[in-house]
């Protein structure tokens, strides 16, 4: 039993989600190898080689992979998969984009968003916004798996000395091309990796009022998130969204402000270690999952909270 894990990175740094995916791969048993695919990503491969659970790092450093276009990367992964029983990636935007293509090329059913490994062919995954946990058994000879990163503790990232080997295969499907990207720069931690998250909902009333969260976030070293209602209303950009159709987070502390607690939102944050809810509606569903709840007007509570920190 051997497993190929697809590393998530930005050609400069290895993303923490990779370490969570490796934790799931460890539970499958057997040897684990890692694929770093990109352009100018040699430093990432060297960093990955220090992960103790990785026996070998495959580095595909080609111009055609620089922007990690799914059409190109999936061809490479499908080719390398011939030598592996399992192909594993984080269930992030990157993984959700690439892995279904890999599964189609290999003519197998993808096993998506797993939260546990019961055996080499049996897994559990949430369905119906996490209200039901399905046990899935696969009879496919090769398994293509995406991992809900919040369900697995990250593996150690130092202490190993894996071999780094260059991958010569260079695939350009000719189906897509990179045009441009707009990256929002922020001194705050990444939403999916932050240990503290403070999110606003429809109760914030408008985007300008999200400034009330910023002072608290700065003092707590927190990332700022939002409910789907706030994003759909145009208060904040899409990359703030926490929920079933947004980002899945499980920080040590999650503060929900003006969020009613719809199932769609709970699916993205209910695994948080401690949940604090601030809402003026004492019957809001968010209080059913909150460890601490404050029934108060957020416009009064937030300045008082910031002043007391």
C-alpha atoms as a PDB file:
ATOM      1  CA  UNK A   1       0.000   0.000   0.000  1.00  0.00           C
ATOM      2  CA  UNK A   2       1.591   3.268  -1.088  1.00  0.00           C
ATOM      3  CA  UNK A   3       0.147   6.769  -1.235  1.00  0.00           C
ATOM      4  CA  UNK A   4       0.945   9.881  -3.253  1.00  0.00           C
ATOM      5  CA  UNK A   5       0.019  13.124  -1.492  1.00  0.00           C
ATOM      6  CA  UNK A   6      -0.344  16.278  -3.579  1.00  0.00           C
ATOM      7  CA  UNK A   7       1.331  19.222  -1.879  1.00  0.00           C
ATOM      8  CA  UNK A   8      -0.444  22.563  -1.752  1.00  0.00           C
ATOM      9  CA  UNK A   9       1.878  25.543  -2.045  1.00  0.00           C
ATOM     10  CA  UNK A  10       2.392  28.927  -3.700  1.00  0.00           C
ATOM     11  CA  UNK A  11       5.794  28.112  -5.266  1.00  0.00           C
ATOM     12  CA  UNK A  12       7.452  29.673  -2.231  1.00  0.00           C
ATOM     13  CA  UNK A  13       5.963  28.050   0.883  1.00  0.00           C
ATOM     14  CA  UNK A  14       4.268  24.772   1.711  1.00  0.00           C
ATOM     15  CA  UNK A  15       0.680  25.339   2.844  1.00  0.00           C
ATOM     16  CA  UNK A  16      -0.360  23.913   6.253  1.00  0.00           C
ATOM     17  CA  UNK A  17      -3.201  21.972   4.602  1.00  0.00           C
ATOM     18  CA  UNK A  18      -0.588  19.594   3.192  1.00  0.00           C
ATOM     19  CA  UNK A  19       0.395  18.504   6.698  1.00  0.00           C
ATOM     20  CA  UNK A  20      -3.237  17.664   7.508  1.00  0.00           C
ATOM     21  CA  UNK A  21      -3.580  15.639   4.321  1.00  0.00           C
ATOM     22  CA  UNK A  22      -0.417  13.745   5.259  1.00  0.00           C
ATOM     23  CA  UNK A  23      -1.992  12.855   8.614  1.00  0.00           C
ATOM     24  CA  UNK A  24      -4.845  11.168   6.753  1.00  0.00           C
ATOM     25  CA  UNK A  25      -2.377   9.417   4.447  1.00  0.00           C
ATOM     26  CA  UNK A  26      -0.538   7.995   7.471  1.00  0.00           C
ATOM     27  CA  UNK A  27      -3.732   6.252   8.562  1.00  0.00           C
ATOM     28  CA  UNK A  28      -3.906   4.461   5.211  1.00  0.00           C
ATOM     29  CA  UNK A  29      -0.661   2.687   6.066  1.00  0.00           C
ATOM     30  CA  UNK A  30       2.299   1.919   3.845  1.00  0.00           C
ATOM     31  CA  UNK A  31       4.765   4.344   2.338  1.00  0.00           C
ATOM     32  CA  UNK A  32       3.974   7.982   1.582  1.00  0.00           C
ATOM     33  CA  UNK A  33       5.458  10.079  -1.198  1.00  0.00           C
ATOM     34  CA  UNK A  34       4.769  13.732  -1.920  1.00  0.00           C
ATOM     35  CA  UNK A  35       4.334  15.566  -5.209  1.00  0.00           C
ATOM     36  CA  UNK A  36       5.334  19.220  -5.434  1.00  0.00           C
ATOM     37  CA  UNK A  37       4.219  20.598  -8.790  1.00  0.00           C
ATOM     38  CA  UNK A  38       4.705  24.204  -9.860  1.00  0.00           C
ATOM     39  CA  UNK A  39       7.181  26.649 -11.352  1.00  0.00           C
ATOM     40  CA  UNK A  40      10.242  27.714  -9.376  1.00  0.00           C
ATOM     41  CA  UNK A  41       9.119  25.450  -6.551  1.00  0.00           C
ATOM     42  CA  UNK A  42      12.451  23.818  -5.703  1.00  0.00           C
ATOM     43  CA  UNK A  43      12.565  25.437  -2.266  1.00  0.00           C
ATOM     44  CA  UNK A  44       9.141  23.995  -1.453  1.00  0.00           C
ATOM     45  CA  UNK A  45      10.368  20.510  -2.334  1.00  0.00           C
ATOM     46  CA  UNK A  46      13.366  20.918  -0.029  1.00  0.00           C
ATOM     47  CA  UNK A  47      11.074  22.029   2.789  1.00  0.00           C
ATOM     48  CA  UNK A  48       8.781  19.066   2.159  1.00  0.00           C
ATOM     49  CA  UNK A  49      11.727  16.673   2.320  1.00  0.00           C
ATOM     50  CA  UNK A  50      12.064  17.490   6.025  1.00  0.00           C
ATOM     51  CA  UNK A  51       8.655  15.986   6.844  1.00  0.00           C
ATOM     52  CA  UNK A  52       9.350  12.722   8.719  1.00  0.00           C
ATOM     53  CA  UNK A  53       6.412  10.749   7.300  1.00  0.00           C
ATOM     54  CA  UNK A  54       7.458  11.383   3.676  1.00  0.00           C
ATOM     55  CA  UNK A  55       9.797   8.823   2.081  1.00  0.00           C
ATOM     56  CA  UNK A  56      10.298  10.625  -1.247  1.00  0.00           C
ATOM     57  CA  UNK A  57       9.453  14.012  -2.757  1.00  0.00           C
ATOM     58  CA  UNK A  58       8.705  14.258  -6.480  1.00  0.00           C
ATOM     59  CA  UNK A  59       9.363  17.768  -7.780  1.00  0.00           C
ATOM     60  CA  UNK A  60       7.756  18.752 -11.093  1.00  0.00           C
ATOM     61  CA  UNK A  61       9.228  22.201 -11.714  1.00  0.00           C
ATOM     62  CA  UNK A  62       8.101  23.315 -15.179  1.00  0.00           C
ATOM     63  CA  UNK A  63       6.783  26.567 -16.699  1.00  0.00           C
ATOM     64  CA  UNK A  64       3.584  24.747 -17.708  1.00  0.00           C
ATOM     65  CA  UNK A  65       2.854  24.076 -14.025  1.00  0.00           C
ATOM     66  CA  UNK A  66       3.785  27.521 -12.671  1.00  0.00           C
ATOM     67  CA  UNK A  67       0.188  28.598 -12.071  1.00  0.00           C
ATOM     68  CA  UNK A  68      -0.976  25.054 -11.239  1.00  0.00           C
ATOM     69  CA  UNK A  69      -3.696  25.014 -13.875  1.00  0.00           C
ATOM     70  CA  UNK A  70      -5.890  22.017 -13.125  1.00  0.00           C
ATOM     71  CA  UNK A  71      -5.971  20.863 -16.758  1.00  0.00           C
ATOM     72  CA  UNK A  72      -2.178  20.486 -16.816  1.00  0.00           C
ATOM     73  CA  UNK A  73      -1.563  19.293 -13.263  1.00  0.00           C
ATOM     74  CA  UNK A  74      -4.230  16.598 -13.412  1.00  0.00           C
ATOM     75  CA  UNK A  75      -2.517  14.986 -16.429  1.00  0.00           C
ATOM     76  CA  UNK A  76       0.735  14.772 -14.478  1.00  0.00           C
ATOM     77  CA  UNK A  77      -0.916  13.330 -11.363  1.00  0.00           C
ATOM     78  CA  UNK A  78      -2.816  10.734 -13.373  1.00  0.00           C
ATOM     79  CA  UNK A  79       0.443   9.652 -15.001  1.00  0.00           C
ATOM     80  CA  UNK A  80       2.280   9.314 -11.683  1.00  0.00           C
ATOM     81  CA  UNK A  81      -0.707   7.543 -10.097  1.00  0.00           C
ATOM     82  CA  UNK A  82       0.185   4.385 -12.036  1.00  0.00           C
ATOM     83  CA  UNK A  83       2.698   3.563  -9.297  1.00  0.00           C
ATOM     84  CA  UNK A  84       0.395   4.269  -6.335  1.00  0.00           C
ATOM     85  CA  UNK A  85      -2.624   2.741  -4.651  1.00  0.00           C
ATOM     86  CA  UNK A  86      -3.933   6.056  -3.296  1.00  0.00           C
ATOM     87  CA  UNK A  87      -3.771   9.694  -4.388  1.00  0.00           C
ATOM     88  CA  UNK A  88      -4.568  12.160  -1.610  1.00  0.00           C
ATOM     89  CA  UNK A  89      -4.985  15.944  -1.544  1.00  0.00           C
ATOM     90  CA  UNK A  90      -6.501  18.512   0.827  1.00  0.00           C
ATOM     91  CA  UNK A  91     -10.174  19.352   0.167  1.00  0.00           C
ATOM     92  CA  UNK A  92      -9.260  22.988  -0.468  1.00  0.00           C
ATOM     93  CA  UNK A  93     -10.011  25.112  -3.508  1.00  0.00           C
ATOM     94  CA  UNK A  94      -6.920  23.651  -5.168  1.00  0.00           C
ATOM     95  CA  UNK A  95      -7.794  20.049  -4.321  1.00  0.00           C
ATOM     96  CA  UNK A  96     -11.441  20.416  -5.326  1.00  0.00           C
ATOM     97  CA  UNK A  97     -10.342  21.818  -8.673  1.00  0.00           C
ATOM     98  CA  UNK A  98      -7.702  19.221  -9.548  1.00  0.00           C
ATOM     99  CA  UNK A  99      -8.722  15.908  -7.999  1.00  0.00           C
ATOM    100  CA  UNK A 100     -12.065  15.320  -9.802  1.00  0.00           C
ATOM    101  CA  UNK A 101     -10.140  15.610 -13.065  1.00  0.00           C
ATOM    102  CA  UNK A 102      -7.621  13.060 -11.805  1.00  0.00           C
ATOM    103  CA  UNK A 103     -10.427  10.672 -10.821  1.00  0.00           C
ATOM    104  CA  UNK A 104     -12.007  11.044 -14.268  1.00  0.00           C
ATOM    105  CA  UNK A 105      -8.708  10.354 -16.030  1.00  0.00           C
ATOM    106  CA  UNK A 106      -8.215   7.231 -13.899  1.00  0.00           C
ATOM    107  CA  UNK A 107     -11.879   6.222 -14.354  1.00  0.00           C
ATOM    108  CA  UNK A 108     -12.527   5.866 -10.623  1.00  0.00           C
ATOM    109  CA  UNK A 109     -14.978   7.445  -8.191  1.00  0.00           C
ATOM    110  CA  UNK A 110     -13.494  10.213  -6.073  1.00  0.00           C
ATOM    111  CA  UNK A 111     -13.878   9.895  -2.301  1.00  0.00           C
ATOM    112  CA  UNK A 112     -14.424  13.487  -1.218  1.00  0.00           C
ATOM    113  CA  UNK A 113     -13.918  15.441   1.990  1.00  0.00           C
ATOM    114  CA  UNK A 114     -13.133  12.498   4.297  1.00  0.00           C
ATOM    115  CA  UNK A 115     -13.031  13.071   8.038  1.00  0.00           C
ATOM    116  CA  UNK A 116     -11.716   9.655   9.101  1.00  0.00           C
ATOM    117  CA  UNK A 117     -10.017   6.560   7.730  1.00  0.00           C
ATOM    118  CA  UNK A 118     -11.728   3.414   8.984  1.00  0.00           C
ATOM    119  CA  UNK A 119      -9.618   1.018   6.898  1.00  0.00           C
ATOM    120  CA  UNK A 120      -7.708   0.956   3.627  1.00  0.00           C
ATOM    121  CA  UNK A 121     -10.966   1.043   1.645  1.00  0.00           C
ATOM    122  CA  UNK A 122     -13.483   2.562   4.074  1.00  0.00           C
ATOM    123  CA  UNK A 123     -13.872   6.218   5.048  1.00  0.00           C
ATOM    124  CA  UNK A 124     -16.353   8.597   6.629  1.00  0.00           C
ATOM    125  CA  UNK A 125     -17.435  11.919   5.182  1.00  0.00           C
ATOM    126  CA  UNK A 126     -20.085  14.514   6.085  1.00  0.00           C
ATOM    127  CA  UNK A 127     -23.181  14.969   3.935  1.00  0.00           C
ATOM    128  CA  UNK A 128     -26.277  17.201   4.263  1.00  0.00           C
ATOM    129  CA  UNK A 129     -24.179  20.068   5.648  1.00  0.00           C
ATOM    130  CA  UNK A 130     -22.640  17.776   8.241  1.00  0.00           C
ATOM    131  CA  UNK A 131     -25.937  16.612   9.707  1.00  0.00           C
ATOM    132  CA  UNK A 132     -25.233  13.049   8.533  1.00  0.00           C
ATOM    133  CA  UNK A 133     -21.905  11.212   8.508  1.00  0.00           C
ATOM    134  CA  UNK A 134     -21.724   8.709   5.673  1.00  0.00           C
ATOM    135  CA  UNK A 135     -19.484   5.638   5.772  1.00  0.00           C
ATOM    136  CA  UNK A 136     -18.146   5.038   2.261  1.00  0.00           C
ATOM    137  CA  UNK A 137     -16.421   1.873   1.041  1.00  0.00           C
ATOM    138  CA  UNK A 138     -14.610   1.857  -2.289  1.00  0.00           C
ATOM    139  CA  UNK A 139     -13.778  -1.180  -4.419  1.00  0.00           C
ATOM    140  CA  UNK A 140     -11.667   0.837  -6.880  1.00  0.00           C
ATOM    141  CA  UNK A 141      -8.117  -0.432  -7.292  1.00  0.00           C
ATOM    142  CA  UNK A 142      -6.854   3.158  -7.041  1.00  0.00           C
ATOM    143  CA  UNK A 143      -8.422   5.592  -4.643  1.00  0.00           C
ATOM    144  CA  UNK A 144      -8.559   9.331  -5.276  1.00  0.00           C
ATOM    145  CA  UNK A 145      -9.235  11.046  -1.951  1.00  0.00           C
ATOM    146  CA  UNK A 146      -9.671  14.608  -0.715  1.00  0.00           C
ATOM    147  CA  UNK A 147      -9.289  15.321   2.982  1.00  0.00           C
ATOM    148  CA  UNK A 148     -11.195  17.749   5.199  1.00  0.00           C
ATOM    149  CA  UNK A 149      -8.135  19.282   6.810  1.00  0.00           C
ATOM    150  CA  UNK A 150      -9.884  20.349  10.012  1.00  0.00           C
ATOM    151  CA  UNK A 151     -10.571  16.689  10.850  1.00  0.00           C
ATOM    152  CA  UNK A 152      -6.892  15.694  11.046  1.00  0.00           C
ATOM    153  CA  UNK A 153      -4.121  17.129  13.210  1.00  0.00           C
ATOM    154  CA  UNK A 154      -1.111  18.283  11.206  1.00  0.00           C
ATOM    155  CA  UNK A 155       1.937  16.017  11.129  1.00  0.00           C
ATOM    156  CA  UNK A 156       5.378  17.227  12.206  1.00  0.00           C
ATOM    157  CA  UNK A 157       7.183  19.208   9.504  1.00  0.00           C
ATOM    158  CA  UNK A 158      10.795  18.768  10.635  1.00  0.00           C
ATOM    159  CA  UNK A 159      13.118  15.892  11.380  1.00  0.00           C
ATOM    160  CA  UNK A 160      12.931  14.003   8.095  1.00  0.00           C
ATOM    161  CA  UNK A 161      15.375  13.658   5.217  1.00  0.00           C
ATOM    162  CA  UNK A 162      13.447  12.390   2.200  1.00  0.00           C
ATOM    163  CA  UNK A 163      14.999  12.083  -1.215  1.00  0.00           C
ATOM    164  CA  UNK A 164      13.999  14.752  -3.739  1.00  0.00           C
ATOM    165  CA  UNK A 165      13.667  13.517  -7.316  1.00  0.00           C
ATOM    166  CA  UNK A 166      12.948  15.621 -10.399  1.00  0.00           C
ATOM    167  CA  UNK A 167       9.925  14.785 -12.546  1.00  0.00           C
ATOM    168  CA  UNK A 168      10.594  15.236 -16.256  1.00  0.00           C
ATOM    169  CA  UNK A 169       7.003  14.895 -17.468  1.00  0.00           C
ATOM    170  CA  UNK A 170       5.758  18.195 -18.887  1.00  0.00           C
ATOM    171  CA  UNK A 171       2.051  18.360 -19.701  1.00  0.00           C
ATOM    172  CA  UNK A 172       0.267  21.234 -21.387  1.00  0.00           C
ATOM    173  CA  UNK A 173      -3.320  20.300 -22.182  1.00  0.00           C
ATOM    174  CA  UNK A 174      -3.769  23.457 -24.242  1.00  0.00           C
ATOM    175  CA  UNK A 175      -7.227  23.921 -22.738  1.00  0.00           C
ATOM    176  CA  UNK A 176      -6.569  26.890 -20.477  1.00  0.00           C
ATOM    177  CA  UNK A 177      -4.114  29.697 -19.926  1.00  0.00           C
ATOM    178  CA  UNK A 178      -3.236  31.935 -17.022  1.00  0.00           C
ATOM    179  CA  UNK A 179      -4.388  35.524 -17.498  1.00  0.00           C
ATOM    180  CA  UNK A 180      -3.935  37.340 -14.190  1.00  0.00           C
ATOM    181  CA  UNK A 181      -4.590  37.173 -10.479  1.00  0.00           C
ATOM    182  CA  UNK A 182      -5.469  39.695  -7.805  1.00  0.00           C
ATOM    183  CA  UNK A 183      -4.100  38.790  -4.403  1.00  0.00           C
ATOM    184  CA  UNK A 184      -5.454  40.544  -1.330  1.00  0.00           C
ATOM    185  CA  UNK A 185      -2.524  41.380   0.929  1.00  0.00           C
ATOM    186  CA  UNK A 186      -3.155  41.213   4.657  1.00  0.00           C
ATOM    187  CA  UNK A 187      -1.073  41.137   7.810  1.00  0.00           C
ATOM    188  CA  UNK A 188      -3.682  38.900   9.399  1.00  0.00           C
ATOM    189  CA  UNK A 189      -3.355  35.118   9.350  1.00  0.00           C
ATOM    190  CA  UNK A 190      -4.952  33.071   6.582  1.00  0.00           C
ATOM    191  CA  UNK A 191      -8.556  32.233   7.400  1.00  0.00           C
ATOM    192  CA  UNK A 192      -8.190  28.454   7.190  1.00  0.00           C
ATOM    193  CA  UNK A 193      -4.964  28.424   9.238  1.00  0.00           C
ATOM    194  CA  UNK A 194      -5.803  30.975  11.965  1.00  0.00           C
ATOM    195  CA  UNK A 195      -6.095  29.868  15.585  1.00  0.00           C
ATOM    196  CA  UNK A 196      -8.660  32.617  16.216  1.00  0.00           C
ATOM    197  CA  UNK A 197     -11.413  33.697  13.803  1.00  0.00           C
ATOM    198  CA  UNK A 198     -13.973  36.470  14.266  1.00  0.00           C
ATOM    199  CA  UNK A 199     -16.815  36.477  11.725  1.00  0.00           C
ATOM    200  CA  UNK A 200     -19.623  38.893  10.963  1.00  0.00           C
ATOM    201  CA  UNK A 201     -23.031  38.177   9.538  1.00  0.00           C
ATOM    202  CA  UNK A 202     -26.052  39.975   8.178  1.00  0.00           C
ATOM    203  CA  UNK A 203     -26.412  41.691  11.552  1.00  0.00           C
ATOM    204  CA  UNK A 204     -23.369  43.844  10.717  1.00  0.00           C
ATOM    205  CA  UNK A 205     -25.806  45.736   8.391  1.00  0.00           C
ATOM    206  CA  UNK A 206     -23.143  46.915   5.934  1.00  0.00           C
ATOM    207  CA  UNK A 207     -19.522  46.466   4.928  1.00  0.00           C
ATOM    208  CA  UNK A 208     -18.306  49.572   6.717  1.00  0.00           C
ATOM    209  CA  UNK A 209     -19.380  48.105  10.054  1.00  0.00           C
ATOM    210  CA  UNK A 210     -16.928  45.211   9.573  1.00  0.00           C
ATOM    211  CA  UNK A 211     -14.353  47.749  10.773  1.00  0.00           C
ATOM    212  CA  UNK A 212     -15.738  47.041  14.244  1.00  0.00           C
ATOM    213  CA  UNK A 213     -14.205  43.564  13.981  1.00  0.00           C
ATOM    214  CA  UNK A 214     -10.777  44.751  12.892  1.00  0.00           C
ATOM    215  CA  UNK A 215      -9.617  46.180  16.216  1.00  0.00           C
ATOM    216  CA  UNK A 216     -10.601  42.991  18.029  1.00  0.00           C
ATOM    217  CA  UNK A 217      -8.959  40.868  15.331  1.00  0.00           C
ATOM    218  CA  UNK A 218      -5.718  42.851  15.634  1.00  0.00           C
ATOM    219  CA  UNK A 219      -5.604  42.387  19.407  1.00  0.00           C
ATOM    220  CA  UNK A 220      -6.356  38.656  19.199  1.00  0.00           C
ATOM    221  CA  UNK A 221      -4.204  37.967  16.145  1.00  0.00           C
ATOM    222  CA  UNK A 222      -7.361  36.724  14.468  1.00  0.00           C
ATOM    223  CA  UNK A 223      -8.526  36.263  10.898  1.00  0.00           C
ATOM    224  CA  UNK A 224     -11.795  37.890   9.813  1.00  0.00           C
ATOM    225  CA  UNK A 225     -14.558  35.792   8.249  1.00  0.00           C
ATOM    226  CA  UNK A 226     -18.175  36.235   7.274  1.00  0.00           C
ATOM    227  CA  UNK A 227     -21.390  34.334   6.757  1.00  0.00           C
ATOM    228  CA  UNK A 228     -22.770  33.672   3.306  1.00  0.00           C
ATOM    229  CA  UNK A 229     -25.519  36.225   3.934  1.00  0.00           C
ATOM    230  CA  UNK A 230     -22.925  38.943   4.519  1.00  0.00           C
ATOM    231  CA  UNK A 231     -20.989  37.954   1.398  1.00  0.00           C
ATOM    232  CA  UNK A 232     -24.110  37.757  -0.772  1.00  0.00           C
ATOM    233  CA  UNK A 233     -25.128  41.194   0.480  1.00  0.00           C
ATOM    234  CA  UNK A 234     -21.809  42.573  -0.740  1.00  0.00           C
ATOM    235  CA  UNK A 235     -20.493  43.504   2.716  1.00  0.00           C
ATOM    236  CA  UNK A 236     -17.162  41.688   2.184  1.00  0.00           C
ATOM    237  CA  UNK A 237     -15.402  39.709  -0.595  1.00  0.00           C
ATOM    238  CA  UNK A 238     -16.079  36.018  -1.298  1.00  0.00           C
ATOM    239  CA  UNK A 239     -12.791  34.876   0.238  1.00  0.00           C
ATOM    240  CA  UNK A 240     -14.138  35.854   3.685  1.00  0.00           C
ATOM    241  CA  UNK A 241     -16.959  33.319   3.513  1.00  0.00           C
ATOM    242  CA  UNK A 242     -17.081  30.559   6.124  1.00  0.00           C
ATOM    243  CA  UNK A 243     -19.552  27.751   5.507  1.00  0.00           C
ATOM    244  CA  UNK A 244     -20.530  24.802   3.397  1.00  0.00           C
ATOM    245  CA  UNK A 245     -19.944  26.739   0.167  1.00  0.00           C
ATOM    246  CA  UNK A 246     -17.092  28.770   1.647  1.00  0.00           C
ATOM    247  CA  UNK A 247     -14.109  27.850   3.780  1.00  0.00           C
ATOM    248  CA  UNK A 248     -14.103  25.172   6.464  1.00  0.00           C
ATOM    249  CA  UNK A 249     -12.386  26.355   9.647  1.00  0.00           C
ATOM    250  CA  UNK A 250     -11.754  24.829  13.054  1.00  0.00           C
ATOM    251  CA  UNK A 251      -9.809  27.396  15.089  1.00  0.00           C
ATOM    252  CA  UNK A 252      -9.180  27.292  18.829  1.00  0.00           C
ATOM    253  CA  UNK A 253     -11.588  30.231  19.185  1.00  0.00           C
ATOM    254  CA  UNK A 254     -14.417  31.226  16.836  1.00  0.00           C
ATOM    255  CA  UNK A 255     -16.377  34.415  17.514  1.00  0.00           C
ATOM    256  CA  UNK A 256     -19.652  34.727  15.583  1.00  0.00           C
ATOM    257  CA  UNK A 257     -21.032  38.273  15.528  1.00  0.00           C
ATOM    258  CA  UNK A 258     -24.492  39.013  14.172  1.00  0.00           C
ATOM    259  CA  UNK A 259     -24.696  35.521  12.666  1.00  0.00           C
ATOM    260  CA  UNK A 260     -27.979  33.655  13.059  1.00  0.00           C
ATOM    261  CA  UNK A 261     -26.426  30.220  12.716  1.00  0.00           C
ATOM    262  CA  UNK A 262     -27.938  28.801   9.543  1.00  0.00           C
ATOM    263  CA  UNK A 263     -26.964  25.212   8.731  1.00  0.00           C
ATOM    264  CA  UNK A 264     -24.874  26.419   5.800  1.00  0.00           C
ATOM    265  CA  UNK A 265     -22.653  28.445   8.130  1.00  0.00           C
ATOM    266  CA  UNK A 266     -22.504  25.884  10.942  1.00  0.00           C
ATOM    267  CA  UNK A 267     -21.153  23.297   8.504  1.00  0.00           C
ATOM    268  CA  UNK A 268     -18.036  25.433   8.113  1.00  0.00           C
ATOM    269  CA  UNK A 269     -17.192  26.213  11.745  1.00  0.00           C
ATOM    270  CA  UNK A 270     -18.898  23.836  14.183  1.00  0.00           C
ATOM    271  CA  UNK A 271     -15.670  21.885  14.774  1.00  0.00           C
ATOM    272  CA  UNK A 272     -14.071  24.961  16.380  1.00  0.00           C
ATOM    273  CA  UNK A 273     -12.693  24.256  19.840  1.00  0.00           C
ATOM    274  CA  UNK A 274     -14.521  27.166  21.538  1.00  0.00           C
ATOM    275  CA  UNK A 275     -17.426  29.042  19.946  1.00  0.00           C
ATOM    276  CA  UNK A 276     -18.561  32.462  21.175  1.00  0.00           C
ATOM    277  CA  UNK A 277     -21.756  34.003  19.797  1.00  0.00           C
ATOM    278  CA  UNK A 278     -22.903  37.628  20.010  1.00  0.00           C
ATOM    279  CA  UNK A 279     -26.453  38.197  18.786  1.00  0.00           C
ATOM    280  CA  UNK A 280     -29.372  40.309  19.959  1.00  0.00           C
ATOM    281  CA  UNK A 281     -31.843  37.505  19.126  1.00  0.00           C
ATOM    282  CA  UNK A 282     -31.823  35.101  22.056  1.00  0.00           C
ATOM    283  CA  UNK A 283     -33.535  32.454  19.900  1.00  0.00           C
ATOM    284  CA  UNK A 284     -30.861  32.486  17.194  1.00  0.00           C
ATOM    285  CA  UNK A 285     -29.754  28.926  16.302  1.00  0.00           C
ATOM    286  CA  UNK A 286     -26.098  29.892  16.778  1.00  0.00           C
ATOM    287  CA  UNK A 287     -26.610  29.746  20.549  1.00  0.00           C
ATOM    288  CA  UNK A 288     -27.352  26.015  20.297  1.00  0.00           C
ATOM    289  CA  UNK A 289     -23.750  25.288  19.264  1.00  0.00           C
ATOM    290  CA  UNK A 290     -22.024  28.127  21.124  1.00  0.00           C
ATOM    291  CA  UNK A 291     -19.960  27.428  24.231  1.00  0.00           C
ATOM    292  CA  UNK A 292     -20.498  31.032  25.333  1.00  0.00           C
ATOM    293  CA  UNK A 293     -23.326  33.287  24.214  1.00  0.00           C
ATOM    294  CA  UNK A 294     -23.952  36.987  24.700  1.00  0.00           C
ATOM    295  CA  UNK A 295     -27.428  38.339  23.946  1.00  0.00           C
ATOM    296  CA  UNK A 296     -26.624  41.954  23.168  1.00  0.00           C
ATOM    297  CA  UNK A 297     -26.562  44.626  20.488  1.00  0.00           C
ATOM    298  CA  UNK A 298     -23.288  44.044  18.649  1.00  0.00           C
ATOM    299  CA  UNK A 299     -22.806  47.778  18.082  1.00  0.00           C
ATOM    300  CA  UNK A 300     -22.578  48.205  21.828  1.00  0.00           C
ATOM    301  CA  UNK A 301     -20.875  44.907  22.669  1.00  0.00           C
ATOM    302  CA  UNK A 302     -18.011  45.080  20.160  1.00  0.00           C
ATOM    303  CA  UNK A 303     -16.544  48.440  21.310  1.00  0.00           C
ATOM    304  CA  UNK A 304     -16.786  47.244  24.921  1.00  0.00           C
ATOM    305  CA  UNK A 305     -15.053  43.970  24.024  1.00  0.00           C
ATOM    306  CA  UNK A 306     -12.253  45.764  22.192  1.00  0.00           C
ATOM    307  CA  UNK A 307     -11.754  48.172  25.077  1.00  0.00           C
ATOM    308  CA  UNK A 308     -11.476  45.337  27.567  1.00  0.00           C
ATOM    309  CA  UNK A 309      -8.862  43.368  25.603  1.00  0.00           C
END
